[in-house]
Amino acid sequence: MRTAAGLTVTARSELILGGQKSGKSRRAELLARDWLSGDDTRQAVLIATAQPWDAEMAARIARHQADRAVRVPGLRTVEEPLALAQAIQAHSQPDTLLVVDCLTLWLTNWRMPMHPVAMSNSESNQAVGHASIEPVALLLEAIMAAPGPLVLVGNEIGLGVIPMGAEVRAFVDALGRLNQQVAEVCARVTLMAAGLPLTLKAPA
Protein backbone atom coordinates (compact mmCIF):
# COMPACT_ATOMS: atom_id res chain seq x y z
CA MET A 1 0.00 0.00 0.00
CA ARG A 2 1.36 3.45 -0.94
CA THR A 3 0.60 7.00 0.06
CA ALA A 4 -0.24 9.83 -2.30
CA ALA A 5 3.47 10.75 -2.30
CA GLY A 6 4.34 7.23 -3.48
CA LEU A 7 5.87 6.10 -0.18
CA THR A 8 5.15 2.69 1.25
CA VAL A 9 3.12 2.95 4.46
CA THR A 10 5.40 2.94 7.48
CA ALA A 11 6.40 -0.51 8.69
CA ARG A 12 6.99 -1.37 12.33
CA SER A 13 10.71 -1.01 11.56
CA GLU A 14 12.58 -0.19 8.37
CA LEU A 15 16.29 -0.21 7.52
CA ILE A 16 17.23 2.12 4.66
CA LEU A 17 20.63 1.45 3.09
CA GLY A 18 22.44 3.26 0.30
CA GLY A 19 25.59 5.00 -0.78
CA GLN A 20 26.45 8.65 -0.25
CA LYS A 21 23.80 10.99 -1.68
CA SER A 22 21.65 8.01 -2.70
CA GLY A 23 18.50 9.52 -1.18
CA LYS A 24 18.39 7.38 1.97
CA SER A 25 18.08 10.26 4.45
CA ARG A 26 15.54 11.99 2.24
CA ARG A 27 13.39 8.84 2.20
CA ALA A 28 13.55 8.65 6.00
CA GLU A 29 12.48 12.29 6.26
CA LEU A 30 9.59 11.74 3.86
CA LEU A 31 8.43 8.75 5.88
CA ALA A 32 8.49 10.96 8.99
CA ARG A 33 6.56 13.70 7.17
CA ASP A 34 3.98 11.19 5.98
CA TRP A 35 3.66 9.76 9.50
CA LEU A 36 3.08 13.20 11.00
CA SER A 37 0.49 14.12 8.38
CA GLY A 38 -1.58 11.04 9.19
CA ASP A 39 -2.69 12.17 12.66
CA ASP A 40 -2.30 15.39 14.63
CA THR A 41 -1.46 13.44 17.79
CA ARG A 42 1.58 11.77 16.24
CA GLN A 43 5.17 12.79 16.88
CA ALA A 44 8.50 12.15 15.14
CA VAL A 45 12.00 12.26 16.58
CA LEU A 46 15.31 12.13 14.72
CA ILE A 47 18.15 10.52 16.68
CA ALA A 48 21.30 12.02 15.14
CA THR A 49 24.59 10.17 15.66
CA ALA A 50 26.95 12.58 13.87
CA GLN A 51 29.62 14.50 15.75
CA PRO A 52 31.29 17.76 14.59
CA TRP A 53 34.80 16.36 14.23
CA ASP A 54 36.00 19.39 12.29
CA ALA A 55 34.76 22.65 10.78
CA GLU A 56 33.54 20.98 7.59
CA MET A 57 31.56 18.38 9.53
CA ALA A 58 30.10 21.05 11.81
CA ALA A 59 28.96 23.04 8.78
CA ARG A 60 27.49 19.90 7.19
CA ILE A 61 25.51 19.10 10.34
CA ALA A 62 24.20 22.67 10.56
CA ARG A 63 23.15 22.56 6.90
CA HIS A 64 21.32 19.27 7.36
CA GLN A 65 19.54 20.63 10.44
CA ALA A 66 18.39 23.72 8.56
CA ASP A 67 17.21 21.66 5.57
CA ARG A 68 15.27 19.24 7.81
CA ALA A 69 13.57 22.11 9.59
CA VAL A 70 12.17 23.24 6.25
CA ARG A 71 11.28 19.82 4.86
CA VAL A 72 9.85 18.30 8.05
CA PRO A 73 9.19 21.09 10.58
CA GLY A 74 7.57 18.68 13.05
CA LEU A 75 10.64 16.42 13.25
CA ARG A 76 12.39 16.97 16.60
CA THR A 77 16.12 16.20 16.85
CA VAL A 78 17.94 14.38 19.65
CA GLU A 79 21.73 14.03 19.41
CA GLU A 80 23.15 10.72 20.63
CA PRO A 81 26.51 9.55 19.24
CA LEU A 82 26.98 6.46 21.43
CA ALA A 83 24.07 5.31 23.62
CA LEU A 84 21.76 4.59 20.69
CA ALA A 85 19.93 1.65 22.25
CA GLN A 86 19.10 3.69 25.32
CA ALA A 87 17.94 6.63 23.17
CA ILE A 88 15.54 4.34 21.30
CA GLN A 89 14.22 2.98 24.59
CA ALA A 90 13.77 6.50 25.97
CA HIS A 91 11.94 8.03 23.00
CA SER A 92 10.02 5.19 21.33
CA GLN A 93 6.26 5.37 21.86
CA PRO A 94 3.32 3.96 19.88
CA ASP A 95 2.49 7.46 18.62
CA THR A 96 6.11 8.45 17.93
CA LEU A 97 8.16 7.53 14.87
CA LEU A 98 11.91 7.45 15.44
CA VAL A 99 14.44 8.08 12.68
CA VAL A 100 18.02 7.00 13.40
CA ASP A 101 20.50 8.74 11.09
CA CYS A 102 22.85 7.08 10.86
CA LEU A 103 24.07 3.64 11.92
CA THR A 104 27.37 4.05 10.05
CA LEU A 105 28.44 7.10 12.04
CA TRP A 106 27.27 5.42 15.25
CA LEU A 107 29.52 2.44 14.52
CA THR A 108 32.35 4.82 13.64
CA ASN A 109 31.95 6.58 16.99
CA TRP A 110 32.42 3.25 18.78
CA ARG A 111 35.18 1.71 16.67
CA MET A 112 37.11 4.61 15.14
CA PRO A 113 36.53 7.76 17.24
CA MET A 114 38.27 10.86 15.92
CA HIS A 115 38.91 11.98 19.51
CA PRO A 116 37.87 10.82 23.00
CA VAL A 117 34.21 11.50 23.72
CA ALA A 118 33.14 12.34 27.25
CA MET A 119 30.45 9.90 28.28
CA SER A 120 27.19 11.25 29.65
CA ASN A 121 25.62 9.79 32.76
CA SER A 122 23.26 7.73 30.62
CA GLU A 123 26.14 6.31 28.58
CA SER A 124 28.12 5.59 31.73
CA ASN A 125 25.16 3.78 33.29
CA GLN A 126 24.74 1.77 30.10
CA ALA A 127 28.40 0.75 30.17
CA VAL A 128 28.20 -0.30 33.82
CA GLY A 129 24.86 -2.06 33.57
CA HIS A 130 25.70 -3.96 30.39
CA ALA A 131 29.46 -4.40 30.68
CA SER A 132 29.36 -7.85 29.10
CA ILE A 133 26.98 -6.93 26.26
CA GLU A 134 28.20 -5.48 22.97
CA PRO A 135 26.62 -2.21 21.80
CA VAL A 136 25.27 -3.95 18.68
CA ALA A 137 23.47 -6.56 20.79
CA LEU A 138 21.90 -3.79 22.87
CA LEU A 139 20.83 -2.02 19.69
CA LEU A 140 19.19 -5.13 18.26
CA GLU A 141 17.29 -5.68 21.50
CA ALA A 142 16.08 -2.07 21.46
CA ILE A 143 14.90 -2.33 17.85
CA MET A 144 12.91 -5.49 18.53
CA ALA A 145 11.39 -4.08 21.73
CA ALA A 146 10.51 -0.61 20.39
CA PRO A 147 6.75 0.01 20.86
CA GLY A 148 6.60 2.59 18.04
CA PRO A 149 7.67 2.68 14.38
CA LEU A 150 11.40 2.93 13.76
CA VAL A 151 13.36 3.97 10.65
CA LEU A 152 17.11 3.37 10.63
CA VAL A 153 19.47 4.81 8.02
CA GLY A 154 22.84 3.28 7.14
CA ASN A 155 25.48 3.25 4.46
CA GLU A 156 26.24 0.40 2.08
CA ILE A 157 30.00 0.72 1.59
CA GLY A 158 30.90 -2.83 0.63
CA LEU A 159 30.35 -2.50 -3.13
CA GLY A 160 33.65 -0.84 -4.02
CA VAL A 161 37.25 -2.00 -4.05
CA ILE A 162 38.71 -3.71 -0.99
CA PRO A 163 40.41 -1.06 1.20
CA MET A 164 44.18 -1.34 1.61
CA GLY A 165 44.40 -0.58 5.34
CA ALA A 166 43.68 -3.35 7.83
CA GLU A 167 41.76 -1.01 10.15
CA VAL A 168 39.52 0.19 7.32
CA ARG A 169 38.95 -3.37 6.11
CA ALA A 170 37.92 -4.36 9.64
CA PHE A 171 35.47 -1.46 9.77
CA VAL A 172 33.92 -2.37 6.40
CA ASP A 173 33.50 -5.94 7.65
CA ALA A 174 31.94 -4.74 10.92
CA LEU A 175 29.52 -2.45 9.10
CA GLY A 176 28.51 -5.25 6.76
CA ARG A 177 27.77 -7.49 9.74
CA LEU A 178 25.84 -4.69 11.46
CA ASN A 179 23.72 -4.09 8.36
CA GLN A 180 22.93 -7.82 8.12
CA GLN A 181 21.98 -8.04 11.79
CA VAL A 182 19.76 -4.96 11.70
CA ALA A 183 18.16 -6.13 8.45
CA GLU A 184 17.31 -9.44 10.09
CA VAL A 185 15.29 -7.80 12.88
CA CYS A 186 13.64 -5.07 10.77
CA ALA A 187 10.27 -5.64 9.11
CA ARG A 188 11.30 -3.81 5.92
CA VAL A 189 14.67 -3.23 4.25
CA THR A 190 15.05 -0.70 1.43
CA LEU A 191 18.09 -0.08 -0.77
CA MET A 192 18.38 3.43 -2.23
CA ALA A 193 20.15 4.21 -5.51
CA ALA A 194 19.89 7.48 -7.47
CA GLY A 195 17.00 8.53 -5.24
CA LEU A 196 14.99 5.41 -6.08
CA PRO A 197 13.96 2.76 -3.53
CA LEU A 198 14.39 -0.96 -4.07
CA THR A 199 12.57 -3.15 -1.56
CA LEU A 200 14.84 -5.94 -0.34
CA LYS A 201 12.52 -7.14 2.41
CA ALA A 202 8.84 -6.44 3.02
CA PRO A 203 6.60 -7.16 6.03
CA ALA A 204 5.18 -10.65 5.95
C-alpha atoms as a PDB file:
ATOM      1  CA  MET A   1       0.000   0.000   0.000  1.00  0.00           C
ATOM      2  CA  ARG A   2       1.360   3.450  -0.940  1.00  0.00           C
ATOM      3  CA  THR A   3       0.598   7.000   0.060  1.00  0.00           C
ATOM      4  CA  ALA A   4      -0.236   9.835  -2.301  1.00  0.00           C
ATOM      5  CA  ALA A   5       3.473  10.747  -2.302  1.00  0.00           C
ATOM      6  CA  GLY A   6       4.344   7.232  -3.482  1.00  0.00           C
ATOM      7  CA  LEU A   7       5.867   6.097  -0.179  1.00  0.00           C
ATOM      8  CA  THR A   8       5.151   2.686   1.253  1.00  0.00           C
ATOM      9  CA  VAL A   9       3.116   2.950   4.459  1.00  0.00           C
ATOM     10  CA  THR A  10       5.397   2.938   7.484  1.00  0.00           C
ATOM     11  CA  ALA A  11       6.402  -0.514   8.693  1.00  0.00           C
ATOM     12  CA  ARG A  12       6.992  -1.366  12.327  1.00  0.00           C
ATOM     13  CA  SER A  13      10.705  -1.013  11.564  1.00  0.00           C
ATOM     14  CA  GLU A  14      12.585  -0.194   8.366  1.00  0.00           C
ATOM     15  CA  LEU A  15      16.290  -0.213   7.518  1.00  0.00           C
ATOM     16  CA  ILE A  16      17.230   2.117   4.663  1.00  0.00           C
ATOM     17  CA  LEU A  17      20.627   1.452   3.092  1.00  0.00           C
ATOM     18  CA  GLY A  18      22.441   3.263   0.304  1.00  0.00           C
ATOM     19  CA  GLY A  19      25.591   5.004  -0.782  1.00  0.00           C
ATOM     20  CA  GLN A  20      26.455   8.646  -0.251  1.00  0.00           C
ATOM     21  CA  LYS A  21      23.799  10.994  -1.677  1.00  0.00           C
ATOM     22  CA  SER A  22      21.654   8.014  -2.697  1.00  0.00           C
ATOM     23  CA  GLY A  23      18.501   9.522  -1.177  1.00  0.00           C
ATOM     24  CA  LYS A  24      18.391   7.385   1.967  1.00  0.00           C
ATOM     25  CA  SER A  25      18.081  10.260   4.452  1.00  0.00           C
ATOM     26  CA  ARG A  26      15.538  11.993   2.244  1.00  0.00           C
ATOM     27  CA  ARG A  27      13.386   8.844   2.198  1.00  0.00           C
ATOM     28  CA  ALA A  28      13.549   8.648   5.995  1.00  0.00           C
ATOM     29  CA  GLU A  29      12.482  12.286   6.260  1.00  0.00           C
ATOM     30  CA  LEU A  30       9.587  11.736   3.855  1.00  0.00           C
ATOM     31  CA  LEU A  31       8.429   8.750   5.882  1.00  0.00           C
ATOM     32  CA  ALA A  32       8.490  10.957   8.985  1.00  0.00           C
ATOM     33  CA  ARG A  33       6.562  13.695   7.165  1.00  0.00           C
ATOM     34  CA  ASP A  34       3.981  11.189   5.982  1.00  0.00           C
ATOM     35  CA  TRP A  35       3.659   9.756   9.501  1.00  0.00           C
ATOM     36  CA  LEU A  36       3.076  13.202  10.995  1.00  0.00           C
ATOM     37  CA  SER A  37       0.493  14.115   8.376  1.00  0.00           C
ATOM     38  CA  GLY A  38      -1.584  11.037   9.187  1.00  0.00           C
ATOM     39  CA  ASP A  39      -2.692  12.166  12.660  1.00  0.00           C
ATOM     40  CA  ASP A  40      -2.301  15.393  14.635  1.00  0.00           C
ATOM     41  CA  THR A  41      -1.464  13.443  17.789  1.00  0.00           C
ATOM     42  CA  ARG A  42       1.577  11.769  16.238  1.00  0.00           C
ATOM     43  CA  GLN A  43       5.175  12.792  16.877  1.00  0.00           C
ATOM     44  CA  ALA A  44       8.501  12.149  15.138  1.00  0.00           C
ATOM     45  CA  VAL A  45      12.004  12.263  16.580  1.00  0.00           C
ATOM     46  CA  LEU A  46      15.315  12.131  14.723  1.00  0.00           C
ATOM     47  CA  ILE A  47      18.149  10.520  16.684  1.00  0.00           C
ATOM     48  CA  ALA A  48      21.296  12.020  15.136  1.00  0.00           C
ATOM     49  CA  THR A  49      24.586  10.171  15.663  1.00  0.00           C
ATOM     50  CA  ALA A  50      26.954  12.579  13.868  1.00  0.00           C
ATOM     51  CA  GLN A  51      29.623  14.503  15.755  1.00  0.00           C
ATOM     52  CA  PRO A  52      31.293  17.755  14.592  1.00  0.00           C
ATOM     53  CA  TRP A  53      34.801  16.356  14.234  1.00  0.00           C
ATOM     54  CA  ASP A  54      36.001  19.389  12.294  1.00  0.00           C
ATOM     55  CA  ALA A  55      34.760  22.653  10.784  1.00  0.00           C
ATOM     56  CA  GLU A  56      33.537  20.981   7.588  1.00  0.00           C
ATOM     57  CA  MET A  57      31.557  18.379   9.534  1.00  0.00           C
ATOM     58  CA  ALA A  58      30.097  21.053  11.813  1.00  0.00           C
ATOM     59  CA  ALA A  59      28.962  23.037   8.776  1.00  0.00           C
ATOM     60  CA  ARG A  60      27.486  19.903   7.187  1.00  0.00           C
ATOM     61  CA  ILE A  61      25.509  19.099  10.337  1.00  0.00           C
ATOM     62  CA  ALA A  62      24.204  22.674  10.564  1.00  0.00           C
ATOM     63  CA  ARG A  63      23.146  22.562   6.903  1.00  0.00           C
ATOM     64  CA  HIS A  64      21.319  19.271   7.364  1.00  0.00           C
ATOM     65  CA  GLN A  65      19.538  20.628  10.445  1.00  0.00           C
ATOM     66  CA  ALA A  66      18.389  23.718   8.555  1.00  0.00           C
ATOM     67  CA  ASP A  67      17.209  21.661   5.572  1.00  0.00           C
ATOM     68  CA  ARG A  68      15.273  19.240   7.806  1.00  0.00           C
ATOM     69  CA  ALA A  69      13.574  22.114   9.592  1.00  0.00           C
ATOM     70  CA  VAL A  70      12.170  23.239   6.250  1.00  0.00           C
ATOM     71  CA  ARG A  71      11.278  19.825   4.860  1.00  0.00           C
ATOM     72  CA  VAL A  72       9.850  18.297   8.053  1.00  0.00           C
ATOM     73  CA  PRO A  73       9.188  21.090  10.578  1.00  0.00           C
ATOM     74  CA  GLY A  74       7.569  18.677  13.054  1.00  0.00           C
ATOM     75  CA  LEU A  75      10.638  16.423  13.253  1.00  0.00           C
ATOM     76  CA  ARG A  76      12.388  16.965  16.596  1.00  0.00           C
ATOM     77  CA  THR A  77      16.120  16.201  16.848  1.00  0.00           C
ATOM     78  CA  VAL A  78      17.942  14.383  19.647  1.00  0.00           C
ATOM     79  CA  GLU A  79      21.726  14.033  19.411  1.00  0.00           C
ATOM     80  CA  GLU A  80      23.151  10.716  20.627  1.00  0.00           C
ATOM     81  CA  PRO A  81      26.514   9.549  19.241  1.00  0.00           C
ATOM     82  CA  LEU A  82      26.979   6.455  21.426  1.00  0.00           C
ATOM     83  CA  ALA A  83      24.073   5.306  23.621  1.00  0.00           C
ATOM     84  CA  LEU A  84      21.760   4.591  20.693  1.00  0.00           C
ATOM     85  CA  ALA A  85      19.929   1.649  22.248  1.00  0.00           C
ATOM     86  CA  GLN A  86      19.098   3.694  25.317  1.00  0.00           C
ATOM     87  CA  ALA A  87      17.940   6.631  23.171  1.00  0.00           C
ATOM     88  CA  ILE A  88      15.544   4.341  21.302  1.00  0.00           C
ATOM     89  CA  GLN A  89      14.217   2.982  24.589  1.00  0.00           C
ATOM     90  CA  ALA A  90      13.771   6.499  25.973  1.00  0.00           C
ATOM     91  CA  HIS A  91      11.944   8.026  22.995  1.00  0.00           C
ATOM     92  CA  SER A  92      10.020   5.194  21.329  1.00  0.00           C
ATOM     93  CA  GLN A  93       6.258   5.369  21.862  1.00  0.00           C
ATOM     94  CA  PRO A  94       3.318   3.961  19.877  1.00  0.00           C
ATOM     95  CA  ASP A  95       2.489   7.462  18.621  1.00  0.00           C
ATOM     96  CA  THR A  96       6.114   8.450  17.925  1.00  0.00           C
ATOM     97  CA  LEU A  97       8.159   7.531  14.872  1.00  0.00           C
ATOM     98  CA  LEU A  98      11.913   7.447  15.442  1.00  0.00           C
ATOM     99  CA  VAL A  99      14.438   8.078  12.678  1.00  0.00           C
ATOM    100  CA  VAL A 100      18.025   7.004  13.403  1.00  0.00           C
ATOM    101  CA  ASP A 101      20.503   8.736  11.093  1.00  0.00           C
ATOM    102  CA  CYS A 102      22.846   7.076  10.857  1.00  0.00           C
ATOM    103  CA  LEU A 103      24.072   3.644  11.920  1.00  0.00           C
ATOM    104  CA  THR A 104      27.369   4.048  10.047  1.00  0.00           C
ATOM    105  CA  LEU A 105      28.440   7.098  12.040  1.00  0.00           C
ATOM    106  CA  TRP A 106      27.267   5.421  15.249  1.00  0.00           C
ATOM    107  CA  LEU A 107      29.524   2.438  14.523  1.00  0.00           C
ATOM    108  CA  THR A 108      32.354   4.822  13.643  1.00  0.00           C
ATOM    109  CA  ASN A 109      31.948   6.579  16.992  1.00  0.00           C
ATOM    110  CA  TRP A 110      32.417   3.255  18.776  1.00  0.00           C
ATOM    111  CA  ARG A 111      35.180   1.714  16.665  1.00  0.00           C
ATOM    112  CA  MET A 112      37.108   4.609  15.144  1.00  0.00           C
ATOM    113  CA  PRO A 113      36.532   7.764  17.236  1.00  0.00           C
ATOM    114  CA  MET A 114      38.268  10.864  15.917  1.00  0.00           C
ATOM    115  CA  HIS A 115      38.909  11.979  19.506  1.00  0.00           C
ATOM    116  CA  PRO A 116      37.870  10.822  22.999  1.00  0.00           C
ATOM    117  CA  VAL A 117      34.210  11.501  23.721  1.00  0.00           C
ATOM    118  CA  ALA A 118      33.141  12.342  27.254  1.00  0.00           C
ATOM    119  CA  MET A 119      30.451   9.901  28.284  1.00  0.00           C
ATOM    120  CA  SER A 120      27.189  11.255  29.647  1.00  0.00           C
ATOM    121  CA  ASN A 121      25.620   9.788  32.758  1.00  0.00           C
ATOM    122  CA  SER A 122      23.257   7.728  30.618  1.00  0.00           C
ATOM    123  CA  GLU A 123      26.139   6.309  28.582  1.00  0.00           C
ATOM    124  CA  SER A 124      28.124   5.593  31.731  1.00  0.00           C
ATOM    125  CA  ASN A 125      25.161   3.781  33.285  1.00  0.00           C
ATOM    126  CA  GLN A 126      24.741   1.767  30.102  1.00  0.00           C
ATOM    127  CA  ALA A 127      28.397   0.745  30.167  1.00  0.00           C
ATOM    128  CA  VAL A 128      28.202  -0.298  33.818  1.00  0.00           C
ATOM    129  CA  GLY A 129      24.856  -2.061  33.566  1.00  0.00           C
ATOM    130  CA  HIS A 130      25.705  -3.961  30.390  1.00  0.00           C
ATOM    131  CA  ALA A 131      29.460  -4.397  30.680  1.00  0.00           C
ATOM    132  CA  SER A 132      29.364  -7.852  29.104  1.00  0.00           C
ATOM    133  CA  ILE A 133      26.982  -6.935  26.261  1.00  0.00           C
ATOM    134  CA  GLU A 134      28.199  -5.484  22.968  1.00  0.00           C
ATOM    135  CA  PRO A 135      26.617  -2.209  21.803  1.00  0.00           C
ATOM    136  CA  VAL A 136      25.275  -3.954  18.679  1.00  0.00           C
ATOM    137  CA  ALA A 137      23.469  -6.559  20.788  1.00  0.00           C
ATOM    138  CA  LEU A 138      21.901  -3.791  22.872  1.00  0.00           C
ATOM    139  CA  LEU A 139      20.828  -2.016  19.690  1.00  0.00           C
ATOM    140  CA  LEU A 140      19.187  -5.127  18.257  1.00  0.00           C
ATOM    141  CA  GLU A 141      17.288  -5.684  21.502  1.00  0.00           C
ATOM    142  CA  ALA A 142      16.081  -2.067  21.459  1.00  0.00           C
ATOM    143  CA  ILE A 143      14.897  -2.334  17.852  1.00  0.00           C
ATOM    144  CA  MET A 144      12.908  -5.487  18.532  1.00  0.00           C
ATOM    145  CA  ALA A 145      11.386  -4.077  21.727  1.00  0.00           C
ATOM    146  CA  ALA A 146      10.508  -0.608  20.390  1.00  0.00           C
ATOM    147  CA  PRO A 147       6.754   0.014  20.864  1.00  0.00           C
ATOM    148  CA  GLY A 148       6.595   2.587  18.043  1.00  0.00           C
ATOM    149  CA  PRO A 149       7.672   2.676  14.381  1.00  0.00           C
ATOM    150  CA  LEU A 150      11.397   2.932  13.762  1.00  0.00           C
ATOM    151  CA  VAL A 151      13.358   3.970  10.652  1.00  0.00           C
ATOM    152  CA  LEU A 152      17.105   3.375  10.626  1.00  0.00           C
ATOM    153  CA  VAL A 153      19.469   4.809   8.015  1.00  0.00           C
ATOM    154  CA  GLY A 154      22.842   3.279   7.142  1.00  0.00           C
ATOM    155  CA  ASN A 155      25.483   3.246   4.457  1.00  0.00           C
ATOM    156  CA  GLU A 156      26.235   0.397   2.083  1.00  0.00           C
ATOM    157  CA  ILE A 157      29.996   0.722   1.585  1.00  0.00           C
ATOM    158  CA  GLY A 158      30.895  -2.832   0.630  1.00  0.00           C
ATOM    159  CA  LEU A 159      30.354  -2.505  -3.131  1.00  0.00           C
ATOM    160  CA  GLY A 160      33.652  -0.838  -4.015  1.00  0.00           C
ATOM    161  CA  VAL A 161      37.254  -2.001  -4.054  1.00  0.00           C
ATOM    162  CA  ILE A 162      38.712  -3.708  -0.989  1.00  0.00           C
ATOM    163  CA  PRO A 163      40.410  -1.064   1.203  1.00  0.00           C
ATOM    164  CA  MET A 164      44.184  -1.343   1.608  1.00  0.00           C
ATOM    165  CA  GLY A 165      44.398  -0.584   5.335  1.00  0.00           C
ATOM    166  CA  ALA A 166      43.682  -3.354   7.833  1.00  0.00           C
ATOM    167  CA  GLU A 167      41.763  -1.015  10.147  1.00  0.00           C
ATOM    168  CA  VAL A 168      39.518   0.195   7.325  1.00  0.00           C
ATOM    169  CA  ARG A 169      38.950  -3.369   6.107  1.00  0.00           C
ATOM    170  CA  ALA A 170      37.921  -4.356   9.635  1.00  0.00           C
ATOM    171  CA  PHE A 171      35.466  -1.461   9.769  1.00  0.00           C
ATOM    172  CA  VAL A 172      33.917  -2.366   6.397  1.00  0.00           C
ATOM    173  CA  ASP A 173      33.502  -5.941   7.649  1.00  0.00           C
ATOM    174  CA  ALA A 174      31.944  -4.739  10.922  1.00  0.00           C
ATOM    175  CA  LEU A 175      29.523  -2.454   9.103  1.00  0.00           C
ATOM    176  CA  GLY A 176      28.513  -5.252   6.764  1.00  0.00           C
ATOM    177  CA  ARG A 177      27.771  -7.490   9.742  1.00  0.00           C
ATOM    178  CA  LEU A 178      25.844  -4.692  11.461  1.00  0.00           C
ATOM    179  CA  ASN A 179      23.721  -4.090   8.355  1.00  0.00           C
ATOM    180  CA  GLN A 180      22.928  -7.815   8.117  1.00  0.00           C
ATOM    181  CA  GLN A 181      21.983  -8.044  11.793  1.00  0.00           C
ATOM    182  CA  VAL A 182      19.764  -4.964  11.703  1.00  0.00           C
ATOM    183  CA  ALA A 183      18.163  -6.128   8.450  1.00  0.00           C
ATOM    184  CA  GLU A 184      17.305  -9.439  10.086  1.00  0.00           C
ATOM    185  CA  VAL A 185      15.290  -7.802  12.878  1.00  0.00           C
ATOM    186  CA  CYS A 186      13.636  -5.067  10.775  1.00  0.00           C
ATOM    187  CA  ALA A 187      10.275  -5.642   9.110  1.00  0.00           C
ATOM    188  CA  ARG A 188      11.298  -3.813   5.919  1.00  0.00           C
ATOM    189  CA  VAL A 189      14.665  -3.226   4.249  1.00  0.00           C
ATOM    190  CA  THR A 190      15.052  -0.701   1.434  1.00  0.00           C
ATOM    191  CA  LEU A 191      18.092  -0.076  -0.768  1.00  0.00           C
ATOM    192  CA  MET A 192      18.377   3.430  -2.226  1.00  0.00           C
ATOM    193  CA  ALA A 193      20.146   4.207  -5.514  1.00  0.00           C
ATOM    194  CA  ALA A 194      19.887   7.483  -7.470  1.00  0.00           C
ATOM    195  CA  GLY A 195      16.998   8.529  -5.244  1.00  0.00           C
ATOM    196  CA  LEU A 196      14.986   5.406  -6.083  1.00  0.00           C
ATOM    197  CA  PRO A 197      13.955   2.762  -3.528  1.00  0.00           C
ATOM    198  CA  LEU A 198      14.391  -0.958  -4.074  1.00  0.00           C
ATOM    199  CA  THR A 199      12.573  -3.146  -1.564  1.00  0.00           C
ATOM    200  CA  LEU A 200      14.839  -5.941  -0.340  1.00  0.00           C
ATOM    201  CA  LYS A 201      12.521  -7.140   2.408  1.00  0.00           C
ATOM    202  CA  ALA A 202       8.841  -6.435   3.022  1.00  0.00           C
ATOM    203  CA  PRO A 203       6.605  -7.160   6.030  1.00  0.00           C
ATOM    204  CA  ALA A 204       5.181 -10.654   5.954  1.00  0.00           C
END
